[in-house]
């Protein structure tokens, strides 16, 4: 055969493998040469940084797209963890209560609109009023307003008359903004005298804001420009209580001092039993059912618990110097003079078992517990008085309960 028509044999398997092996090597050599050429031009690092930044941007874009697809395209109940509902029929067949909720599922945060601003408590400067309800006491009302109990009495003299027992439901009380007294200015008053009597300075009265007194126009302190009838708050002021109860010193030698108290006053008594100088309890119960001894509220005795009709006993031997009705709120009352400088008083009694001038021994039954006079319930109001010391705290002289 001629060379023109000479058949060319197909390449053998070994030749093919050799060519396949050479081609990748040649490609790598070409790529390596390209990178080396860029490196020789000083562009290798720049291109690497650009490529890295581009890949980062592509990754961020992909994340954003995925989030938008999840939170916008996905139904709310699916995001909240509800089971998917494929058909309307299936939705009606499954109750909402039976669909489990993913714990901690995304619900969103509700925005709360505050339509007011909370302002911290500010000190009061003006008088407020309080209506007494059943069960109120001077102590309880004072505590409610952060005041001393005597401030409640001093702010309401015409209502309570310095007597905590006058408190009754329905009364309207003045509540001072600070501890002190409430004073009604009288014609002829002078600032120095009023201030001295209430244990303050004139400036304490003038400078209190709610009194609305102008120091520039107040004038002479002896005759100040203050209209009679003006009520003034006296911060830090104090005064003596006006006594409403039995006077001190109702003795067998001078029983006439008790005539101002009511028809139970006795005449002159020349003789009678004398006490031992120590005391027993005047009632069966040895605890309180009302007010304690409290000079701060002008309550100078103990309200001892007891039931209506229970017996009352003389705390020491002595003679009866008052037996009968008291016009000042004590109701039926007995006073015993013990002849050694001591007197004892028993009030609100429902019945009396003694008469004026009668001598009684220690522990003698002198009457029964009651609720006469100004009293909110059956109890004994008991006082101890000494000719030298005045009305004393009975707790210091009665046996321990």
Protein backbone atom coordinates (compact mmCIF):
# COMPACT_ATOMS: atom_id res chain seq x y z
CA UNK A 1 0.00 0.00 0.00
CA UNK A 2 1.13 3.45 -0.64
CA UNK A 3 1.88 5.87 2.12
CA UNK A 4 -1.20 7.91 1.15
CA UNK A 5 -3.56 5.11 2.06
CA UNK A 6 -1.53 3.71 4.95
CA UNK A 7 -3.87 3.05 7.92
CA UNK A 8 -2.99 4.79 11.12
CA UNK A 9 -3.18 2.54 14.12
CA UNK A 10 -5.33 3.84 17.07
CA UNK A 11 -3.40 4.94 20.07
CA UNK A 12 -2.86 2.37 22.63
CA UNK A 13 -4.21 2.52 26.18
CA UNK A 14 -0.79 3.37 27.56
CA UNK A 15 -0.51 6.30 25.19
CA UNK A 16 -3.95 7.61 26.22
CA UNK A 17 -3.11 7.43 29.91
CA UNK A 18 0.15 9.23 29.24
CA UNK A 19 -1.69 12.05 27.46
CA UNK A 20 -4.34 12.36 30.22
CA UNK A 21 -1.61 12.54 32.79
CA UNK A 22 0.27 15.23 30.87
CA UNK A 23 -2.76 17.54 30.31
CA UNK A 24 -3.52 18.36 34.01
CA UNK A 25 0.17 18.91 34.63
CA UNK A 26 0.25 21.31 31.74
CA UNK A 27 -2.85 23.13 33.09
CA UNK A 28 -1.29 23.48 36.49
CA UNK A 29 1.86 24.80 34.92
CA UNK A 30 -0.18 27.35 32.96
CA UNK A 31 -2.07 28.46 36.10
CA UNK A 32 1.12 28.62 38.11
CA UNK A 33 2.70 30.68 35.48
CA UNK A 34 -0.27 33.08 35.47
CA UNK A 35 -0.15 33.57 39.24
CA UNK A 36 3.63 34.01 39.11
CA UNK A 37 3.19 36.64 36.43
CA UNK A 38 0.66 38.54 38.59
CA UNK A 39 2.96 38.25 41.59
CA UNK A 40 5.85 39.70 39.53
CA UNK A 41 3.57 42.64 38.73
CA UNK A 42 2.79 43.15 42.48
CA UNK A 43 -0.93 42.39 42.13
CA UNK A 44 -1.17 39.05 43.91
CA UNK A 45 -1.98 40.27 47.44
CA UNK A 46 -4.49 42.85 46.23
CA UNK A 47 -6.38 40.31 44.15
CA UNK A 48 -6.39 37.87 47.09
CA UNK A 49 -7.90 40.50 49.42
CA UNK A 50 -10.51 41.45 46.84
CA UNK A 51 -11.48 37.84 46.34
CA UNK A 52 -11.74 37.22 50.10
CA UNK A 53 -13.91 40.31 50.61
CA UNK A 54 -16.17 39.33 47.75
CA UNK A 55 -16.73 35.88 49.17
CA UNK A 56 -17.57 37.41 52.60
CA UNK A 57 -20.15 39.76 51.05
CA UNK A 58 -21.71 36.89 49.15
CA UNK A 59 -22.00 34.86 52.36
CA UNK A 60 -23.66 37.76 54.25
CA UNK A 61 -26.09 38.34 51.40
CA UNK A 62 -27.05 34.68 51.44
CA UNK A 63 -27.73 34.80 55.22
CA UNK A 64 -29.93 37.90 54.86
CA UNK A 65 -31.94 36.26 52.09
CA UNK A 66 -32.46 33.14 54.19
CA UNK A 67 -33.63 35.16 57.21
CA UNK A 68 -36.08 37.19 55.12
CA UNK A 69 -37.47 33.98 53.66
CA UNK A 70 -37.92 32.51 57.16
CA UNK A 71 -39.50 35.50 58.93
CA UNK A 72 -41.59 36.90 56.07
CA UNK A 73 -42.62 33.94 53.98
CA UNK A 74 -43.09 31.43 56.82
CA UNK A 75 -46.54 31.59 58.56
CA UNK A 76 -46.57 32.99 62.10
CA UNK A 77 -47.83 29.79 63.63
CA UNK A 78 -44.98 27.89 62.08
CA UNK A 79 -42.44 30.31 63.60
CA UNK A 80 -44.21 29.97 66.95
CA UNK A 81 -43.69 26.25 66.86
CA UNK A 82 -47.23 25.13 65.90
CA UNK A 83 -47.76 22.02 63.88
CA UNK A 84 -48.25 22.75 60.14
CA UNK A 85 -51.85 22.57 58.91
CA UNK A 86 -52.08 21.49 55.27
CA UNK A 87 -55.78 21.81 54.57
CA UNK A 88 -58.77 23.73 55.85
CA UNK A 89 -60.45 20.50 56.85
CA UNK A 90 -57.43 19.43 58.84
CA UNK A 91 -57.36 22.81 60.57
CA UNK A 92 -60.96 22.42 61.73
CA UNK A 93 -60.30 18.90 62.96
CA UNK A 94 -57.49 19.91 65.28
CA UNK A 95 -58.36 22.10 68.23
CA UNK A 96 -56.08 24.96 69.18
CA UNK A 97 -55.64 23.50 72.64
CA UNK A 98 -54.25 20.23 71.19
CA UNK A 99 -51.50 21.91 69.20
CA UNK A 100 -48.26 21.68 71.18
CA UNK A 101 -46.35 24.93 71.58
CA UNK A 102 -42.60 25.05 71.44
CA UNK A 103 -41.14 25.97 74.78
CA UNK A 104 -39.65 29.45 74.63
CA UNK A 105 -41.22 30.05 71.20
CA UNK A 106 -40.86 33.47 69.61
CA UNK A 107 -43.80 35.69 70.49
CA UNK A 108 -42.40 39.17 70.10
CA UNK A 109 -42.23 41.90 72.74
CA UNK A 110 -45.35 43.99 73.28
CA UNK A 111 -44.76 47.71 73.61
CA UNK A 112 -46.46 49.21 76.68
CA UNK A 113 -47.61 52.81 76.41
CA UNK A 114 -47.35 54.61 79.75
CA UNK A 115 -49.90 57.38 79.84
CA UNK A 116 -48.81 58.82 83.17
CA UNK A 117 -45.66 59.53 85.12
CA UNK A 118 -45.11 58.20 88.64
CA UNK A 119 -44.04 61.07 90.89
CA UNK A 120 -42.34 60.25 94.21
CA UNK A 121 -44.25 61.11 97.37
CA UNK A 122 -43.75 64.73 98.31
CA UNK A 123 -44.01 66.20 101.82
CA UNK A 124 -47.47 67.58 102.58
CA UNK A 125 -47.71 71.26 103.48
CA UNK A 126 -51.49 71.62 103.77
CA UNK A 127 -54.18 70.34 106.12
CA UNK A 128 -55.97 67.18 104.98
CA UNK A 129 -59.09 65.62 106.48
CA UNK A 130 -59.86 62.11 107.69
CA UNK A 131 -63.26 60.59 108.44
CA UNK A 132 -63.23 58.33 111.50
CA UNK A 133 -64.49 54.77 111.02
CA UNK A 134 -65.43 52.12 113.57
CA UNK A 135 -62.36 50.66 115.28
CA UNK A 136 -60.18 53.75 114.81
CA UNK A 137 -57.96 54.98 117.61
CA UNK A 138 -55.87 58.11 117.99
CA UNK A 139 -52.77 55.90 117.84
CA UNK A 140 -53.86 54.15 114.64
CA UNK A 141 -54.77 57.37 112.82
CA UNK A 142 -51.47 58.96 113.84
CA UNK A 143 -49.50 55.96 112.60
CA UNK A 144 -51.35 56.02 109.27
CA UNK A 145 -50.12 59.55 108.61
CA UNK A 146 -46.68 59.23 110.20
CA UNK A 147 -47.55 61.60 113.04
CA UNK A 148 -47.38 61.51 116.82
CA UNK A 149 -50.72 60.74 118.53
CA UNK A 150 -50.73 64.04 120.42
CA UNK A 151 -50.67 65.87 117.06
CA UNK A 152 -54.08 64.34 116.27
CA UNK A 153 -55.49 65.72 119.54
CA UNK A 154 -53.81 69.13 119.20
CA UNK A 155 -55.13 69.47 115.66
CA UNK A 156 -58.74 68.76 116.68
CA UNK A 157 -59.39 70.37 120.05
CA UNK A 158 -62.95 71.48 119.29
CA UNK A 159 -63.81 67.94 118.17
CA UNK A 160 -61.93 65.79 120.68
CA UNK A 161 -61.39 68.22 123.58
CA UNK A 162 -58.04 66.56 124.34
CA UNK A 163 -59.95 63.35 125.11
CA UNK A 164 -59.06 60.24 123.03
CA UNK A 165 -62.33 58.64 124.20
CA UNK A 166 -64.32 61.23 122.21
CA UNK A 167 -63.24 59.63 118.94
CA UNK A 168 -66.34 58.28 117.16
CA UNK A 169 -67.26 57.10 113.63
CA UNK A 170 -68.25 59.84 111.21
CA UNK A 171 -66.13 62.59 112.75
CA UNK A 172 -63.98 64.60 110.34
CA UNK A 173 -60.52 65.25 111.73
CA UNK A 174 -57.86 67.74 110.67
CA UNK A 175 -54.62 65.96 109.78
CA UNK A 176 -51.67 68.32 110.11
CA UNK A 177 -48.86 67.92 107.55
CA UNK A 178 -46.22 67.89 110.31
CA UNK A 179 -46.05 67.16 114.02
CA UNK A 180 -47.09 70.18 116.02
CA UNK A 181 -50.16 72.14 117.03
CA UNK A 182 -53.00 73.95 115.26
CA UNK A 183 -53.74 77.38 116.68
CA UNK A 184 -56.64 79.77 116.06
CA UNK A 185 -55.44 83.39 116.21
CA UNK A 186 -57.33 85.51 118.73
CA UNK A 187 -57.79 89.28 118.86
CA UNK A 188 -55.05 90.78 121.03
CA UNK A 189 -52.62 87.89 120.51
CA UNK A 190 -48.93 88.68 120.12
CA UNK A 191 -46.48 86.51 118.21
CA UNK A 192 -43.97 86.36 121.02
CA UNK A 193 -46.57 85.25 123.56
CA UNK A 194 -48.23 82.66 121.31
CA UNK A 195 -44.87 81.24 120.23
CA UNK A 196 -43.66 81.02 123.84
CA UNK A 197 -46.86 79.28 124.92
CA UNK A 198 -46.46 76.69 122.15
CA UNK A 199 -42.70 76.22 122.75
CA UNK A 200 -41.54 77.57 119.37
CA UNK A 201 -40.13 80.83 117.99
CA UNK A 202 -42.18 83.46 116.11
CA UNK A 203 -40.17 82.65 112.99
CA UNK A 204 -41.34 79.01 113.15
CA UNK A 205 -44.90 80.26 112.72
CA UNK A 206 -44.19 83.03 110.19
CA UNK A 207 -41.96 80.96 107.90
CA UNK A 208 -44.21 77.91 107.57
CA UNK A 209 -45.36 78.08 103.89
CA UNK A 210 -49.00 77.15 104.32
CA UNK A 211 -49.55 79.86 106.94
CA UNK A 212 -49.10 82.39 104.11
CA UNK A 213 -47.64 85.05 106.39
CA UNK A 214 -45.41 87.65 104.74
CA UNK A 215 -42.49 88.65 106.99
CA UNK A 216 -42.31 91.97 105.14
CA UNK A 217 -45.86 92.93 106.11
CA UNK A 218 -46.30 91.11 109.43
CA UNK A 219 -45.53 94.31 111.32
CA UNK A 220 -44.97 94.57 115.06
CA UNK A 221 -44.78 91.16 116.74
CA UNK A 222 -46.75 92.55 119.68
CA UNK A 223 -49.64 93.45 117.36
CA UNK A 224 -48.99 91.54 114.13
CA UNK A 225 -50.98 91.85 110.94
CA UNK A 226 -52.84 88.55 111.42
CA UNK A 227 -56.62 88.43 111.15
CA UNK A 228 -58.43 86.99 114.20
CA UNK A 229 -59.89 83.58 113.43
CA UNK A 230 -56.92 82.60 111.22
CA UNK A 231 -55.82 79.01 111.83
CA UNK A 232 -52.05 78.56 111.90
CA UNK A 233 -49.98 75.39 111.68
CA UNK A 234 -47.26 75.49 114.35
CA UNK A 235 -44.59 72.95 113.30
CA UNK A 236 -42.89 71.41 116.34
CA UNK A 237 -45.34 73.17 118.66
CA UNK A 238 -46.65 71.61 121.88
CA UNK A 239 -48.91 72.54 124.77
CA UNK A 240 -50.35 71.14 127.98
CA UNK A 241 -53.48 69.07 127.62
CA UNK A 242 -56.66 70.51 129.07
CA UNK A 243 -57.78 68.07 131.74
CA UNK A 244 -61.14 66.41 131.12
CA UNK A 245 -60.93 63.71 133.79
CA UNK A 246 -61.05 63.63 137.58
CA UNK A 247 -58.77 66.15 139.29
CA UNK A 248 -55.88 65.08 141.44
CA UNK A 249 -56.38 65.18 145.18
CA UNK A 250 -59.96 63.99 145.81
CA UNK A 251 -59.28 63.20 149.47
CA UNK A 252 -61.39 62.63 152.56
CA UNK A 253 -60.21 65.99 153.85
CA UNK A 254 -61.22 67.91 150.71
CA UNK A 255 -63.87 66.00 148.73
CA UNK A 256 -65.48 69.25 147.57
CA UNK A 257 -62.84 69.48 144.82
CA UNK A 258 -64.79 66.78 142.98
CA UNK A 259 -68.07 68.74 142.86
CA UNK A 260 -67.25 70.03 139.39
CA UNK A 261 -67.21 66.46 138.10
CA UNK A 262 -70.84 65.59 138.69
CA UNK A 263 -73.45 64.46 141.18
CA UNK A 264 -71.30 61.65 142.56
CA UNK A 265 -69.24 64.09 144.66
CA UNK A 266 -69.26 63.42 148.41
CA UNK A 267 -69.35 65.77 151.39
CA UNK A 268 -66.77 66.12 154.12
CA UNK A 269 -65.52 62.81 155.52
CA UNK A 270 -63.73 62.83 158.87
CA UNK A 271 -62.67 59.23 159.25
CA UNK A 272 -62.19 55.97 157.36
CA UNK A 273 -59.91 53.03 156.62
CA UNK A 274 -56.27 53.56 155.64
CA UNK A 275 -54.47 51.51 152.99
CA UNK A 276 -51.48 49.23 153.29
CA UNK A 277 -49.40 51.01 150.65
CA UNK A 278 -49.42 48.25 148.04
CA UNK A 279 -52.06 47.33 145.45
CA UNK A 280 -53.86 44.35 143.92
CA UNK A 281 -55.55 44.17 140.50
CA UNK A 282 -59.00 45.81 140.39
CA UNK A 283 -60.49 43.26 137.94
CA UNK A 284 -60.41 39.55 137.18
CA UNK A 285 -58.53 40.06 133.90
CA UNK A 286 -55.03 41.48 133.99
CA UNK A 287 -54.67 42.79 130.45
CA UNK A 288 -55.95 45.68 128.34
CA UNK A 289 -58.89 45.95 125.98
CA UNK A 290 -58.36 49.58 124.95
CA UNK A 291 -55.94 52.41 125.62
CA UNK A 292 -52.76 52.00 127.59
CA UNK A 293 -51.33 54.61 129.93
CA UNK A 294 -50.25 57.37 127.52
CA UNK A 295 -49.42 60.93 128.61
CA UNK A 296 -48.84 61.69 124.90
CA UNK A 297 -52.57 61.32 124.26
CA UNK A 298 -53.77 62.58 127.64
CA UNK A 299 -54.86 59.06 128.63
CA UNK A 300 -53.56 58.73 132.17
CA UNK A 301 -54.96 55.32 133.04
CA UNK A 302 -55.44 51.75 131.87
CA UNK A 303 -58.44 50.37 129.99
CA UNK A 304 -58.57 46.93 131.61
CA UNK A 305 -60.46 44.15 129.87
CA UNK A 306 -63.64 42.76 131.36
CA UNK A 307 -67.13 41.51 130.60
CA UNK A 308 -70.31 43.37 131.42
CA UNK A 309 -71.26 42.82 135.05
CA UNK A 310 -67.93 41.34 136.24
CA UNK A 311 -66.94 42.42 139.72
CA UNK A 312 -64.55 45.29 140.51
CA UNK A 313 -62.34 45.32 143.58
CA UNK A 314 -60.71 47.97 145.76
CA UNK A 315 -56.99 47.87 145.05
CA UNK A 316 -56.25 48.87 148.64
CA UNK A 317 -58.17 49.72 151.81
CA UNK A 318 -59.62 53.22 152.08
CA UNK A 319 -62.73 55.37 152.13
CA UNK A 320 -65.13 56.25 149.28
CA UNK A 321 -64.82 59.95 148.33
CA UNK A 322 -66.75 59.86 145.03
CA UNK A 323 -69.56 57.48 144.07
CA UNK A 324 -71.94 58.20 141.21
CA UNK A 325 -72.27 59.78 137.81
CA UNK A 326 -69.40 61.71 136.19
CA UNK A 327 -70.33 64.46 133.72
CA UNK A 328 -67.02 64.34 131.82
CA UNK A 329 -67.30 61.00 130.06
CA UNK A 330 -66.47 58.54 132.84
CA UNK A 331 -70.07 57.50 133.43
CA UNK A 332 -70.58 55.81 136.79
CA UNK A 333 -67.38 56.32 138.79
CA UNK A 334 -65.88 55.53 142.18
CA UNK A 335 -62.85 57.19 143.79
CA UNK A 336 -61.21 55.71 146.88
CA UNK A 337 -58.89 57.75 149.11
CA UNK A 338 -56.42 55.36 150.74
CA UNK A 339 -55.35 57.84 153.43
CA UNK A 340 -51.63 57.61 152.71
CA UNK A 341 -51.31 60.01 149.79
CA UNK A 342 -52.84 57.60 147.25
CA UNK A 343 -56.22 57.60 145.48
CA UNK A 344 -57.62 55.08 142.97
CA UNK A 345 -60.31 55.70 140.34
CA UNK A 346 -62.73 53.23 138.67
CA UNK A 347 -64.86 54.39 135.69
CA UNK A 348 -67.56 53.24 133.20
CA UNK A 349 -69.13 51.02 135.87
CA UNK A 350 -72.50 49.39 135.22
CA UNK A 351 -73.36 49.24 138.92
CA UNK A 352 -72.02 50.60 142.21
CA UNK A 353 -71.82 48.60 145.42
CA UNK A 354 -70.60 51.42 147.70
CA UNK A 355 -71.72 54.87 148.88
CA UNK A 356 -69.99 58.09 149.89
CA UNK A 357 -68.03 57.90 153.15
CA UNK A 358 -68.00 54.07 153.28
CA UNK A 359 -64.81 52.38 154.41
CA UNK A 360 -63.69 49.41 152.29
CA UNK A 361 -61.00 46.80 152.71
CA UNK A 362 -58.49 45.71 150.10
CA UNK A 363 -60.24 43.39 147.62
CA UNK A 364 -63.77 44.51 148.58
CA UNK A 365 -66.31 44.41 145.71
CA UNK A 366 -67.13 48.04 144.92
CA UNK A 367 -69.24 47.55 141.76
CA UNK A 368 -69.36 45.95 138.31
CA UNK A 369 -67.69 46.49 134.95
CA UNK A 370 -69.78 48.39 132.41
CA UNK A 371 -69.73 50.75 129.45
CA UNK A 372 -71.32 53.95 130.81
CA UNK A 373 -70.18 57.40 129.70
CA UNK A 374 -67.96 57.74 126.65
CA UNK A 375 -67.07 54.10 126.15
CA UNK A 376 -66.97 51.85 123.10
CA UNK A 377 -67.48 48.63 125.04
CA UNK A 378 -67.40 47.00 128.46
CA UNK A 379 -64.12 47.61 130.27
CA UNK A 380 -62.68 49.30 133.36
CA UNK A 381 -60.88 52.62 133.09
CA UNK A 382 -58.52 52.60 136.07
CA UNK A 383 -56.25 55.37 137.41
CA UNK A 384 -53.79 55.68 140.29
CA UNK A 385 -53.09 59.14 141.76
CA UNK A 386 -50.56 60.34 144.28
CA UNK A 387 -50.76 63.64 146.16
CA UNK A 388 -47.08 64.35 145.41
CA UNK A 389 -46.54 62.81 141.96
CA UNK A 390 -49.94 63.27 140.31
CA UNK A 391 -51.39 60.57 138.04
CA UNK A 392 -48.88 57.75 137.69
CA UNK A 393 -48.49 54.77 135.42
CA UNK A 394 -50.45 51.93 137.09
CA UNK A 395 -48.21 49.31 135.48
CA UNK A 396 -45.44 50.41 137.84
CA UNK A 397 -47.52 49.68 140.95
CA UNK A 398 -49.79 46.73 140.13
CA UNK A 399 -48.47 43.17 140.48
CA UNK A 400 -47.07 41.62 137.32
CA UNK A 401 -49.89 39.88 135.38
